[in-house]
């Protein structure tokens, strides 16, 4: 808990890497959910995530030595190797080898879990990790995005951007239901009016019609946005250049988040559409830089003094509140 935004970290699925960022046999340190983690890809190609510290003598499993220096620890088959004494651990958190022991520690001999392992899903060219402060099993699943499938030839390669944001994730999410800020923060021509907005269990959906004035006349389009839990968001822009944006947010800590934005546009877009497509990307990046100034310095108000021109903040907060469960210690940690 903090004083500026006194909310625990939300639970759900959160992106930690893109798939291409983790090769077979590679490991990396991660920091999410106020916790040090290690991620590795096994010889069979599966991504695995464990708590970072070896239970033997406390070495961090995400940092290699000698020929692995500057990178992660060695991966041997389906297990990661501790750089300190060579103990090996599989993706279930079990110790699979102690290379110099004649008598194994009891937990190792009984094949018990000795390191916390984290639930992982890999789809949409992303690696997601499930976080819940009480270690409850996943209550919903991430969903496939056809445009983000690696073998979808109709859509081009992802253009990715990343920002660290000094605020709680809920403050970022509230932008989706705050139409007035687009005019005052981002300088849009007017205050956009959503034509549809719904909140249903772990999903959120919004739809907005748009008009773009071009030398060849007015082009009618739309902006469709949806969320799966608090961490996975999808925005679809239609009109001159169809664009899909995976706008995923993950908590590093209670008041520090990372936004991973991946833009995907049609592979056969012409020159005009490509220019418009890049303009869409550049504008959203500019908006993010503007929003970050507000987020970094604003304070969360439990009861904001709203007016009739504001968006459905109360509906959004009720929906988002289902994902805010403090841990038994009150810190919301994994």
C-alpha atoms as a PDB file:
ATOM      1  CA  UNK A   1       0.000   0.000   0.000  1.00  0.00           C
ATOM      2  CA  UNK A   2       1.136   3.558  -0.667  1.00  0.00           C
ATOM      3  CA  UNK A   3      -0.061   7.044   0.242  1.00  0.00           C
ATOM      4  CA  UNK A   4      -0.416   8.571  -3.239  1.00  0.00           C
ATOM      5  CA  UNK A   5      -2.420   5.650  -4.666  1.00  0.00           C
ATOM      6  CA  UNK A   6      -3.484   3.482  -1.686  1.00  0.00           C
ATOM      7  CA  UNK A   7      -4.477   0.426  -3.738  1.00  0.00           C
ATOM      8  CA  UNK A   8      -3.031  -3.101  -3.867  1.00  0.00           C
ATOM      9  CA  UNK A   9      -1.707  -4.472  -7.142  1.00  0.00           C
ATOM     10  CA  UNK A  10      -4.476  -6.048  -9.223  1.00  0.00           C
ATOM     11  CA  UNK A  11      -4.571  -9.737 -10.010  1.00  0.00           C
ATOM     12  CA  UNK A  12      -4.803 -11.184 -13.507  1.00  0.00           C
ATOM     13  CA  UNK A  13      -2.709 -12.107 -16.536  1.00  0.00           C
ATOM     14  CA  UNK A  14       0.128  -9.725 -17.338  1.00  0.00           C
ATOM     15  CA  UNK A  15       2.586  -9.598 -20.205  1.00  0.00           C
ATOM     16  CA  UNK A  16       6.221  -9.912 -19.129  1.00  0.00           C
ATOM     17  CA  UNK A  17       7.948 -10.361 -22.521  1.00  0.00           C
ATOM     18  CA  UNK A  18       7.286 -10.756 -26.223  1.00  0.00           C
ATOM     19  CA  UNK A  19       7.904 -14.301 -27.440  1.00  0.00           C
ATOM     20  CA  UNK A  20      10.816 -13.274 -29.662  1.00  0.00           C
ATOM     21  CA  UNK A  21      12.627 -11.847 -26.639  1.00  0.00           C
ATOM     22  CA  UNK A  22      13.277 -15.321 -25.174  1.00  0.00           C
ATOM     23  CA  UNK A  23      15.149 -17.881 -27.281  1.00  0.00           C
ATOM     24  CA  UNK A  24      15.342 -21.621 -26.598  1.00  0.00           C
ATOM     25  CA  UNK A  25      17.934 -22.200 -23.876  1.00  0.00           C
ATOM     26  CA  UNK A  26      17.858 -18.558 -22.759  1.00  0.00           C
ATOM     27  CA  UNK A  27      17.051 -17.163 -19.316  1.00  0.00           C
ATOM     28  CA  UNK A  28      16.486 -13.616 -18.066  1.00  0.00           C
ATOM     29  CA  UNK A  29      15.835 -11.836 -14.774  1.00  0.00           C
ATOM     30  CA  UNK A  30      12.456 -10.132 -14.408  1.00  0.00           C
ATOM     31  CA  UNK A  31      10.948  -7.816 -11.825  1.00  0.00           C
ATOM     32  CA  UNK A  32       7.164  -7.770 -11.610  1.00  0.00           C
ATOM     33  CA  UNK A  33       4.537  -7.905  -8.850  1.00  0.00           C
ATOM     34  CA  UNK A  34       7.070  -6.448  -6.367  1.00  0.00           C
ATOM     35  CA  UNK A  35       8.990  -9.721  -6.797  1.00  0.00           C
ATOM     36  CA  UNK A  36      12.306 -10.805  -8.333  1.00  0.00           C
ATOM     37  CA  UNK A  37      11.687 -13.515 -10.947  1.00  0.00           C
ATOM     38  CA  UNK A  38      13.577 -15.533 -13.529  1.00  0.00           C
ATOM     39  CA  UNK A  39      12.178 -16.624 -16.890  1.00  0.00           C
ATOM     40  CA  UNK A  40      13.705 -19.332 -19.092  1.00  0.00           C
ATOM     41  CA  UNK A  41      12.810 -21.248 -22.226  1.00  0.00           C
ATOM     42  CA  UNK A  42      13.412 -24.977 -22.051  1.00  0.00           C
ATOM     43  CA  UNK A  43      14.897 -27.198 -24.748  1.00  0.00           C
ATOM     44  CA  UNK A  44      11.351 -28.236 -25.680  1.00  0.00           C
ATOM     45  CA  UNK A  45      10.486 -24.551 -26.223  1.00  0.00           C
ATOM     46  CA  UNK A  46       8.291 -23.844 -23.213  1.00  0.00           C
ATOM     47  CA  UNK A  47       8.594 -20.573 -21.290  1.00  0.00           C
ATOM     48  CA  UNK A  48       8.844 -21.048 -17.513  1.00  0.00           C
ATOM     49  CA  UNK A  49       8.892 -18.531 -14.651  1.00  0.00           C
ATOM     50  CA  UNK A  50      10.186 -19.095 -11.119  1.00  0.00           C
ATOM     51  CA  UNK A  51      10.961 -16.971  -8.094  1.00  0.00           C
ATOM     52  CA  UNK A  52      14.494 -15.748  -8.686  1.00  0.00           C
ATOM     53  CA  UNK A  53      16.462 -16.972  -5.687  1.00  0.00           C
ATOM     54  CA  UNK A  54      17.961 -20.437  -5.315  1.00  0.00           C
ATOM     55  CA  UNK A  55      16.777 -22.043  -2.044  1.00  0.00           C
ATOM     56  CA  UNK A  56      20.214 -23.622  -1.556  1.00  0.00           C
ATOM     57  CA  UNK A  57      22.237 -20.481  -0.782  1.00  0.00           C
ATOM     58  CA  UNK A  58      20.271 -17.606  -2.258  1.00  0.00           C
ATOM     59  CA  UNK A  59      21.906 -16.957  -5.639  1.00  0.00           C
ATOM     60  CA  UNK A  60      19.818 -15.171  -8.273  1.00  0.00           C
ATOM     61  CA  UNK A  61      19.016 -17.611 -11.084  1.00  0.00           C
ATOM     62  CA  UNK A  62      18.731 -14.895 -13.721  1.00  0.00           C
ATOM     63  CA  UNK A  63      22.409 -13.904 -13.912  1.00  0.00           C
ATOM     64  CA  UNK A  64      25.068 -16.102 -15.502  1.00  0.00           C
ATOM     65  CA  UNK A  65      28.827 -16.232 -14.971  1.00  0.00           C
ATOM     66  CA  UNK A  66      31.909 -16.922 -17.158  1.00  0.00           C
ATOM     67  CA  UNK A  67      30.649 -17.676 -20.679  1.00  0.00           C
ATOM     68  CA  UNK A  68      27.108 -16.721 -19.538  1.00  0.00           C
ATOM     69  CA  UNK A  69      28.275 -13.397 -18.037  1.00  0.00           C
ATOM     70  CA  UNK A  70      26.126 -10.502 -19.198  1.00  0.00           C
ATOM     71  CA  UNK A  71      23.198 -12.829 -19.806  1.00  0.00           C
ATOM     72  CA  UNK A  72      21.055 -15.261 -17.864  1.00  0.00           C
ATOM     73  CA  UNK A  73      21.987 -18.515 -16.206  1.00  0.00           C
ATOM     74  CA  UNK A  74      22.501 -21.706 -18.181  1.00  0.00           C
ATOM     75  CA  UNK A  75      19.485 -23.779 -19.217  1.00  0.00           C
ATOM     76  CA  UNK A  76      20.081 -27.521 -19.313  1.00  0.00           C
ATOM     77  CA  UNK A  77      17.280 -29.391 -21.081  1.00  0.00           C
ATOM     78  CA  UNK A  78      14.099 -28.596 -19.157  1.00  0.00           C
ATOM     79  CA  UNK A  79      15.852 -27.056 -16.144  1.00  0.00           C
ATOM     80  CA  UNK A  80      17.673 -23.852 -15.236  1.00  0.00           C
ATOM     81  CA  UNK A  81      21.101 -24.161 -13.602  1.00  0.00           C
ATOM     82  CA  UNK A  82      22.054 -22.125 -10.538  1.00  0.00           C
ATOM     83  CA  UNK A  83      25.310 -20.260 -11.325  1.00  0.00           C
ATOM     84  CA  UNK A  84      26.547 -20.585  -7.718  1.00  0.00           C
ATOM     85  CA  UNK A  85      26.661 -24.375  -7.153  1.00  0.00           C
ATOM     86  CA  UNK A  86      25.073 -25.966 -10.235  1.00  0.00           C
ATOM     87  CA  UNK A  87      21.791 -27.065  -8.689  1.00  0.00           C
ATOM     88  CA  UNK A  88      19.097 -27.458 -11.358  1.00  0.00           C
ATOM     89  CA  UNK A  89      15.383 -26.611 -11.190  1.00  0.00           C
ATOM     90  CA  UNK A  90      12.555 -27.380 -13.606  1.00  0.00           C
ATOM     91  CA  UNK A  91       9.601 -25.163 -14.459  1.00  0.00           C
ATOM     92  CA  UNK A  92       7.534 -26.695 -11.636  1.00  0.00           C
ATOM     93  CA  UNK A  93      10.051 -25.469  -9.067  1.00  0.00           C
ATOM     94  CA  UNK A  94      11.456 -28.935  -8.340  1.00  0.00           C
ATOM     95  CA  UNK A  95      15.174 -29.532  -7.936  1.00  0.00           C
ATOM     96  CA  UNK A  96      16.155 -31.998 -10.655  1.00  0.00           C
ATOM     97  CA  UNK A  97      19.892 -32.258  -9.947  1.00  0.00           C
ATOM     98  CA  UNK A  98      22.482 -31.604  -7.243  1.00  0.00           C
ATOM     99  CA  UNK A  99      25.672 -32.503  -9.131  1.00  0.00           C
ATOM    100  CA  UNK A 100      27.974 -33.142  -6.149  1.00  0.00           C
ATOM    101  CA  UNK A 101      25.574 -34.498  -3.482  1.00  0.00           C
ATOM    102  CA  UNK A 102      25.642 -38.096  -2.270  1.00  0.00           C
ATOM    103  CA  UNK A 103      22.693 -37.596   0.071  1.00  0.00           C
ATOM    104  CA  UNK A 104      20.006 -35.292  -1.307  1.00  0.00           C
ATOM    105  CA  UNK A 105      18.119 -32.835   0.924  1.00  0.00           C
ATOM    106  CA  UNK A 106      14.838 -34.468   2.015  1.00  0.00           C
ATOM    107  CA  UNK A 107      12.593 -32.204  -0.073  1.00  0.00           C
ATOM    108  CA  UNK A 108      14.727 -32.823  -3.146  1.00  0.00           C
ATOM    109  CA  UNK A 109      14.718 -36.580  -2.548  1.00  0.00           C
ATOM    110  CA  UNK A 110      10.914 -36.493  -2.291  1.00  0.00           C
ATOM    111  CA  UNK A 111      10.674 -34.464  -5.532  1.00  0.00           C
ATOM    112  CA  UNK A 112       8.854 -31.653  -3.747  1.00  0.00           C
ATOM    113  CA  UNK A 113       8.571 -28.120  -5.040  1.00  0.00           C
ATOM    114  CA  UNK A 114      11.295 -25.969  -3.491  1.00  0.00           C
ATOM    115  CA  UNK A 115      10.875 -22.751  -5.519  1.00  0.00           C
ATOM    116  CA  UNK A 116       7.597 -21.006  -6.289  1.00  0.00           C
ATOM    117  CA  UNK A 117       6.636 -21.422  -9.952  1.00  0.00           C
ATOM    118  CA  UNK A 118       4.289 -19.087 -11.794  1.00  0.00           C
ATOM    119  CA  UNK A 119       1.507 -19.902 -14.250  1.00  0.00           C
ATOM    120  CA  UNK A 120       2.546 -18.974 -17.817  1.00  0.00           C
ATOM    121  CA  UNK A 121       0.594 -18.682 -21.062  1.00  0.00           C
ATOM    122  CA  UNK A 122       2.148 -17.924 -24.439  1.00  0.00           C
ATOM    123  CA  UNK A 123      -0.020 -16.667 -27.293  1.00  0.00           C
ATOM    124  CA  UNK A 124      -0.384 -13.565 -29.469  1.00  0.00           C
ATOM    125  CA  UNK A 125       3.439 -13.536 -29.652  1.00  0.00           C
ATOM    126  CA  UNK A 126       3.393 -12.580 -25.961  1.00  0.00           C
ATOM    127  CA  UNK A 127       4.359 -14.304 -22.721  1.00  0.00           C
ATOM    128  CA  UNK A 128       1.798 -13.756 -19.947  1.00  0.00           C
ATOM    129  CA  UNK A 129       2.175 -14.566 -16.236  1.00  0.00           C
ATOM    130  CA  UNK A 130      -0.700 -15.003 -13.768  1.00  0.00           C
ATOM    131  CA  UNK A 131      -0.459 -12.996 -10.544  1.00  0.00           C
ATOM    132  CA  UNK A 132      -2.727 -13.284  -7.516  1.00  0.00           C
ATOM    133  CA  UNK A 133      -1.645 -12.075  -4.057  1.00  0.00           C
ATOM    134  CA  UNK A 134      -3.162 -15.172  -2.435  1.00  0.00           C
ATOM    135  CA  UNK A 135      -1.755 -17.573  -5.064  1.00  0.00           C
ATOM    136  CA  UNK A 136      -5.244 -18.491  -6.254  1.00  0.00           C
ATOM    137  CA  UNK A 137      -5.240 -20.435  -9.556  1.00  0.00           C
ATOM    138  CA  UNK A 138      -6.287 -18.582 -12.721  1.00  0.00           C
ATOM    139  CA  UNK A 139      -9.983 -17.701 -12.783  1.00  0.00           C
ATOM    140  CA  UNK A 140      -9.980 -16.676 -16.461  1.00  0.00           C
ATOM    141  CA  UNK A 141      -7.686 -17.001 -19.463  1.00  0.00           C
ATOM    142  CA  UNK A 142      -6.098 -14.678 -22.039  1.00  0.00           C
ATOM    143  CA  UNK A 143      -7.705 -14.955 -25.465  1.00  0.00           C
ATOM    144  CA  UNK A 144      -6.128 -15.362 -28.916  1.00  0.00           C
ATOM    145  CA  UNK A 145      -5.960 -12.301 -31.164  1.00  0.00           C
ATOM    146  CA  UNK A 146      -6.079 -13.491 -34.804  1.00  0.00           C
ATOM    147  CA  UNK A 147      -4.198 -10.456 -36.127  1.00  0.00           C
ATOM    148  CA  UNK A 148      -1.351 -11.167 -33.676  1.00  0.00           C
ATOM    149  CA  UNK A 149      -0.830 -14.780 -34.731  1.00  0.00           C
ATOM    150  CA  UNK A 150       2.740 -15.244 -35.967  1.00  0.00           C
ATOM    151  CA  UNK A 151       1.527 -17.150 -39.053  1.00  0.00           C
ATOM    152  CA  UNK A 152      -1.114 -14.580 -40.125  1.00  0.00           C
ATOM    153  CA  UNK A 153       0.284 -13.356 -43.453  1.00  0.00           C
ATOM    154  CA  UNK A 154      -2.469 -10.745 -43.871  1.00  0.00           C
ATOM    155  CA  UNK A 155      -1.001  -8.646 -41.076  1.00  0.00           C
ATOM    156  CA  UNK A 156       2.523  -7.230 -40.859  1.00  0.00           C
ATOM    157  CA  UNK A 157       5.173  -7.477 -38.175  1.00  0.00           C
ATOM    158  CA  UNK A 158       4.560  -5.876 -34.807  1.00  0.00           C
ATOM    159  CA  UNK A 159       5.982  -2.440 -34.066  1.00  0.00           C
ATOM    160  CA  UNK A 160       6.660  -2.411 -30.332  1.00  0.00           C
ATOM    161  CA  UNK A 161       7.178   0.389 -27.818  1.00  0.00           C
ATOM    162  CA  UNK A 162       7.549   0.381 -24.048  1.00  0.00           C
ATOM    163  CA  UNK A 163       7.180   2.909 -21.232  1.00  0.00           C
ATOM    164  CA  UNK A 164       7.703   2.732 -17.477  1.00  0.00           C
ATOM    165  CA  UNK A 165       4.969   4.689 -15.714  1.00  0.00           C
ATOM    166  CA  UNK A 166       5.146   5.918 -12.140  1.00  0.00           C
ATOM    167  CA  UNK A 167       1.635   5.168 -10.996  1.00  0.00           C
ATOM    168  CA  UNK A 168      -0.788   2.379 -10.108  1.00  0.00           C
ATOM    169  CA  UNK A 169      -2.329   0.480 -13.024  1.00  0.00           C
ATOM    170  CA  UNK A 170      -5.887   1.594 -12.218  1.00  0.00           C
ATOM    171  CA  UNK A 171      -4.952   5.222 -12.823  1.00  0.00           C
ATOM    172  CA  UNK A 172      -3.789   4.237 -16.316  1.00  0.00           C
ATOM    173  CA  UNK A 173      -6.880   2.156 -17.026  1.00  0.00           C
ATOM    174  CA  UNK A 174      -9.264   4.987 -16.122  1.00  0.00           C
ATOM    175  CA  UNK A 175      -8.204   6.854 -19.269  1.00  0.00           C
ATOM    176  CA  UNK A 176     -10.378   4.434 -21.261  1.00  0.00           C
ATOM    177  CA  UNK A 177     -13.535   5.902 -19.678  1.00  0.00           C
ATOM    178  CA  UNK A 178     -12.374   9.532 -19.520  1.00  0.00           C
ATOM    179  CA  UNK A 179     -13.429  11.207 -22.796  1.00  0.00           C
ATOM    180  CA  UNK A 180     -12.860  14.794 -21.617  1.00  0.00           C
ATOM    181  CA  UNK A 181      -9.124  14.359 -21.107  1.00  0.00           C
ATOM    182  CA  UNK A 182      -8.610  13.735 -24.842  1.00  0.00           C
ATOM    183  CA  UNK A 183      -9.539  17.369 -25.567  1.00  0.00           C
ATOM    184  CA  UNK A 184      -7.572  18.963 -22.733  1.00  0.00           C
ATOM    185  CA  UNK A 185      -4.526  16.681 -22.530  1.00  0.00           C
ATOM    186  CA  UNK A 186      -4.162  15.549 -26.131  1.00  0.00           C
ATOM    187  CA  UNK A 187      -5.656  18.484 -28.018  1.00  0.00           C
ATOM    188  CA  UNK A 188      -8.305  16.572 -29.985  1.00  0.00           C
ATOM    189  CA  UNK A 189     -10.825  18.593 -31.997  1.00  0.00           C
ATOM    190  CA  UNK A 190     -13.625  17.793 -29.561  1.00  0.00           C
ATOM    191  CA  UNK A 191     -14.597  15.541 -26.676  1.00  0.00           C
ATOM    192  CA  UNK A 192     -15.271  12.065 -28.154  1.00  0.00           C
ATOM    193  CA  UNK A 193     -18.531  10.366 -27.232  1.00  0.00           C
ATOM    194  CA  UNK A 194     -18.474   6.557 -26.936  1.00  0.00           C
ATOM    195  CA  UNK A 195     -21.467   4.908 -28.588  1.00  0.00           C
ATOM    196  CA  UNK A 196     -21.155   1.691 -26.587  1.00  0.00           C
ATOM    197  CA  UNK A 197     -19.524   0.673 -23.311  1.00  0.00           C
ATOM    198  CA  UNK A 198     -20.006  -2.493 -21.278  1.00  0.00           C
ATOM    199  CA  UNK A 199     -18.520  -4.259 -18.249  1.00  0.00           C
ATOM    200  CA  UNK A 200     -19.089  -8.000 -18.014  1.00  0.00           C
ATOM    201  CA  UNK A 201     -17.317 -10.186 -15.439  1.00  0.00           C
ATOM    202  CA  UNK A 202     -13.584 -10.003 -16.258  1.00  0.00           C
ATOM    203  CA  UNK A 203     -14.128  -8.253 -19.622  1.00  0.00           C
ATOM    204  CA  UNK A 204     -14.602  -4.607 -20.591  1.00  0.00           C
ATOM    205  CA  UNK A 205     -15.672  -3.267 -24.022  1.00  0.00           C
ATOM    206  CA  UNK A 206     -16.000   0.145 -25.654  1.00  0.00           C
ATOM    207  CA  UNK A 207     -16.873   1.356 -29.172  1.00  0.00           C
ATOM    208  CA  UNK A 208     -16.537   4.817 -30.728  1.00  0.00           C
ATOM    209  CA  UNK A 209     -17.387   5.990 -34.242  1.00  0.00           C
ATOM    210  CA  UNK A 210     -14.940   8.411 -35.877  1.00  0.00           C
ATOM    211  CA  UNK A 211     -14.738  10.698 -38.888  1.00  0.00           C
ATOM    212  CA  UNK A 212     -11.435  11.502 -40.605  1.00  0.00           C
ATOM    213  CA  UNK A 213     -11.340  14.384 -43.077  1.00  0.00           C
ATOM    214  CA  UNK A 214      -9.012  13.711 -46.020  1.00  0.00           C
ATOM    215  CA  UNK A 215      -8.358  15.406 -49.409  1.00  0.00           C
ATOM    216  CA  UNK A 216     -10.601  12.744 -50.923  1.00  0.00           C
ATOM    217  CA  UNK A 217     -13.454  13.368 -48.518  1.00  0.00           C
ATOM    218  CA  UNK A 218     -14.605  12.152 -45.132  1.00  0.00           C
ATOM    219  CA  UNK A 219     -13.672   8.614 -44.120  1.00  0.00           C
ATOM    220  CA  UNK A 220     -15.898   6.963 -41.550  1.00  0.00           C
ATOM    221  CA  UNK A 221     -14.119   4.697 -39.098  1.00  0.00           C
ATOM    222  CA  UNK A 222     -14.239   3.429 -35.550  1.00  0.00           C
ATOM    223  CA  UNK A 223     -12.182   2.764 -32.448  1.00  0.00           C
ATOM    224  CA  UNK A 224     -13.000  -0.484 -30.659  1.00  0.00           C
ATOM    225  CA  UNK A 225     -11.334  -1.222 -27.330  1.00  0.00           C
ATOM    226  CA  UNK A 226     -11.582  -4.182 -24.999  1.00  0.00           C
ATOM    227  CA  UNK A 227      -9.886  -5.623 -21.932  1.00  0.00           C
ATOM    228  CA  UNK A 228      -9.341  -9.085 -20.484  1.00  0.00           C
ATOM    229  CA  UNK A 229      -8.795  -8.355 -16.820  1.00  0.00           C
ATOM    230  CA  UNK A 230      -6.727  -5.318 -15.840  1.00  0.00           C
ATOM    231  CA  UNK A 231      -3.570  -6.236 -17.772  1.00  0.00           C
ATOM    232  CA  UNK A 232      -4.525  -7.232 -21.327  1.00  0.00           C
ATOM    233  CA  UNK A 233      -6.062  -4.596 -23.613  1.00  0.00           C
ATOM    234  CA  UNK A 234      -6.806  -4.499 -27.329  1.00  0.00           C
ATOM    235  CA  UNK A 235      -7.634  -1.445 -29.456  1.00  0.00           C
ATOM    236  CA  UNK A 236      -8.758  -1.715 -33.093  1.00  0.00           C
ATOM    237  CA  UNK A 237      -8.721   1.345 -35.362  1.00  0.00           C
ATOM    238  CA  UNK A 238     -10.638   1.139 -38.639  1.00  0.00           C
ATOM    239  CA  UNK A 239     -10.774   3.674 -41.452  1.00  0.00           C
ATOM    240  CA  UNK A 240      -7.910   4.674 -43.730  1.00  0.00           C
ATOM    241  CA  UNK A 241      -5.433   2.227 -42.202  1.00  0.00           C
ATOM    242  CA  UNK A 242      -6.740  -0.668 -40.125  1.00  0.00           C
ATOM    243  CA  UNK A 243      -4.554  -0.923 -37.031  1.00  0.00           C
ATOM    244  CA  UNK A 244      -4.557  -3.341 -34.108  1.00  0.00           C
ATOM    245  CA  UNK A 245      -2.904  -2.247 -30.874  1.00  0.00           C
ATOM    246  CA  UNK A 246      -2.114  -4.648 -28.058  1.00  0.00           C
ATOM    247  CA  UNK A 247      -1.872  -2.173 -25.163  1.00  0.00           C
ATOM    248  CA  UNK A 248      -0.827  -4.341 -22.246  1.00  0.00           C
ATOM    249  CA  UNK A 249      -0.002  -2.965 -18.783  1.00  0.00           C
ATOM    250  CA  UNK A 250       1.838  -4.906 -16.045  1.00  0.00           C
ATOM    251  CA  UNK A 251       2.668  -3.960 -12.448  1.00  0.00           C
ATOM    252  CA  UNK A 252       6.314  -3.783 -11.472  1.00  0.00           C
ATOM    253  CA  UNK A 253       5.213  -2.628  -8.022  1.00  0.00           C
ATOM    254  CA  UNK A 254       2.185  -0.914  -6.446  1.00  0.00           C
ATOM    255  CA  UNK A 255       3.049   2.474  -7.950  1.00  0.00           C
ATOM    256  CA  UNK A 256       5.239   1.474 -10.882  1.00  0.00           C
ATOM    257  CA  UNK A 257       3.871  -0.057 -14.075  1.00  0.00           C
ATOM    258  CA  UNK A 258       5.170  -0.916 -17.526  1.00  0.00           C
ATOM    259  CA  UNK A 259       3.171  -0.409 -20.710  1.00  0.00           C
ATOM    260  CA  UNK A 260       4.002  -2.664 -23.671  1.00  0.00           C
ATOM    261  CA  UNK A 261       2.362  -1.435 -26.876  1.00  0.00           C
ATOM    262  CA  UNK A 262       2.477  -3.549 -30.047  1.00  0.00           C
ATOM    263  CA  UNK A 263       0.978  -2.102 -33.254  1.00  0.00           C
ATOM    264  CA  UNK A 264      -0.016  -4.410 -36.112  1.00  0.00           C
ATOM    265  CA  UNK A 265      -1.176  -3.137 -39.505  1.00  0.00           C
ATOM    266  CA  UNK A 266      -2.221  -4.848 -42.730  1.00  0.00           C
ATOM    267  CA  UNK A 267       0.667  -6.286 -44.709  1.00  0.00           C
ATOM    268  CA  UNK A 268      -0.782  -5.070 -48.028  1.00  0.00           C
ATOM    269  CA  UNK A 269      -1.434  -1.458 -46.977  1.00  0.00           C
ATOM    270  CA  UNK A 270      -0.628   1.055 -49.722  1.00  0.00           C
ATOM    271  CA  UNK A 271       1.664   4.058 -49.359  1.00  0.00           C
ATOM    272  CA  UNK A 272      -1.109   6.416 -48.264  1.00  0.00           C
ATOM    273  CA  UNK A 273      -2.459   3.960 -45.713  1.00  0.00           C
ATOM    274  CA  UNK A 274       1.070   3.253 -44.455  1.00  0.00           C
ATOM    275  CA  UNK A 275       1.695   6.957 -43.890  1.00  0.00           C
ATOM    276  CA  UNK A 276      -1.598   7.286 -42.036  1.00  0.00           C
ATOM    277  CA  UNK A 277      -0.789   4.138 -40.086  1.00  0.00           C
ATOM    278  CA  UNK A 278       2.529   5.536 -38.926  1.00  0.00           C
ATOM    279  CA  UNK A 279       0.788   8.808 -38.055  1.00  0.00           C
ATOM    280  CA  UNK A 280      -1.635   6.845 -35.853  1.00  0.00           C
ATOM    281  CA  UNK A 281       1.303   5.194 -34.083  1.00  0.00           C
ATOM    282  CA  UNK A 282       3.168   8.474 -33.651  1.00  0.00           C
ATOM    283  CA  UNK A 283       0.066  10.189 -32.265  1.00  0.00           C
ATOM    284  CA  UNK A 284      -0.556   7.445 -29.692  1.00  0.00           C
ATOM    285  CA  UNK A 285       3.088   7.599 -28.620  1.00  0.00           C
ATOM    286  CA  UNK A 286       2.740  11.371 -28.191  1.00  0.00           C
ATOM    287  CA  UNK A 287      -0.418  10.846 -26.139  1.00  0.00           C
ATOM    288  CA  UNK A 288       1.401   8.400 -23.888  1.00  0.00           C
ATOM    289  CA  UNK A 289       4.152  10.952 -23.207  1.00  0.00           C
ATOM    290  CA  UNK A 290       1.476  13.529 -22.335  1.00  0.00           C
ATOM    291  CA  UNK A 291      -0.438  11.131 -20.085  1.00  0.00           C
ATOM    292  CA  UNK A 292       2.711  10.111 -18.207  1.00  0.00           C
ATOM    293  CA  UNK A 293       3.178  13.665 -16.937  1.00  0.00           C
ATOM    294  CA  UNK A 294      -0.322  13.636 -15.442  1.00  0.00           C
ATOM    295  CA  UNK A 295      -0.038  10.118 -14.010  1.00  0.00           C
ATOM    296  CA  UNK A 296       3.355  10.690 -12.393  1.00  0.00           C
ATOM    297  CA  UNK A 297       2.110  13.603 -10.302  1.00  0.00           C
ATOM    298  CA  UNK A 298      -1.630  13.153  -9.721  1.00  0.00           C
ATOM    299  CA  UNK A 299      -3.144  11.702  -6.571  1.00  0.00           C
ATOM    300  CA  UNK A 300      -5.836   9.030  -6.426  1.00  0.00           C
ATOM    301  CA  UNK A 301      -9.154  10.318  -5.068  1.00  0.00           C
ATOM    302  CA  UNK A 302     -11.472   7.687  -3.648  1.00  0.00           C
ATOM    303  CA  UNK A 303     -14.468   9.999  -4.147  1.00  0.00           C
ATOM    304  CA  UNK A 304     -13.728  12.355  -7.053  1.00  0.00           C
ATOM    305  CA  UNK A 305     -16.102  15.328  -7.527  1.00  0.00           C
ATOM    306  CA  UNK A 306     -17.569  14.218 -10.868  1.00  0.00           C
ATOM    307  CA  UNK A 307     -19.896  16.087 -13.203  1.00  0.00           C
ATOM    308  CA  UNK A 308     -22.357  14.979 -15.903  1.00  0.00           C
ATOM    309  CA  UNK A 309     -19.738  15.356 -18.663  1.00  0.00           C
ATOM    310  CA  UNK A 310     -17.370  12.862 -17.090  1.00  0.00           C
ATOM    311  CA  UNK A 311     -17.205   9.242 -18.142  1.00  0.00           C
ATOM    312  CA  UNK A 312     -18.524   6.172 -16.263  1.00  0.00           C
ATOM    313  CA  UNK A 313     -15.778   6.230 -13.636  1.00  0.00           C
ATOM    314  CA  UNK A 314     -17.912   4.572 -10.978  1.00  0.00           C
ATOM    315  CA  UNK A 315     -18.833   1.676 -13.299  1.00  0.00           C
ATOM    316  CA  UNK A 316     -15.184   1.267 -14.270  1.00  0.00           C
ATOM    317  CA  UNK A 317     -13.993   1.313 -10.655  1.00  0.00           C
ATOM    318  CA  UNK A 318     -16.603  -1.227  -9.614  1.00  0.00           C
ATOM    319  CA  UNK A 319     -15.459  -3.507 -12.456  1.00  0.00           C
ATOM    320  CA  UNK A 320     -11.753  -2.938 -11.741  1.00  0.00           C
ATOM    321  CA  UNK A 321     -12.273  -3.382  -7.987  1.00  0.00           C
ATOM    322  CA  UNK A 322     -12.925  -7.105  -8.417  1.00  0.00           C
ATOM    323  CA  UNK A 323      -9.202  -7.507  -9.248  1.00  0.00           C
ATOM    324  CA  UNK A 324      -7.950  -5.635  -6.156  1.00  0.00           C
ATOM    325  CA  UNK A 325      -7.355  -8.179  -3.416  1.00  0.00           C
ATOM    326  CA  UNK A 326      -4.728  -7.463  -0.794  1.00  0.00           C
ATOM    327  CA  UNK A 327      -2.450 -10.290   0.327  1.00  0.00           C
ATOM    328  CA  UNK A 328      -2.719 -11.576   3.934  1.00  0.00           C
ATOM    329  CA  UNK A 329       0.217  -9.261   4.786  1.00  0.00           C
ATOM    330  CA  UNK A 330      -1.693  -6.304   3.322  1.00  0.00           C
ATOM    331  CA  UNK A 331       0.994  -5.558   0.751  1.00  0.00           C
ATOM    332  CA  UNK A 332      -0.521  -7.287  -2.258  1.00  0.00           C
ATOM    333  CA  UNK A 333       2.653  -9.228  -3.012  1.00  0.00           C
ATOM    334  CA  UNK A 334       3.087 -12.547  -4.775  1.00  0.00           C
END
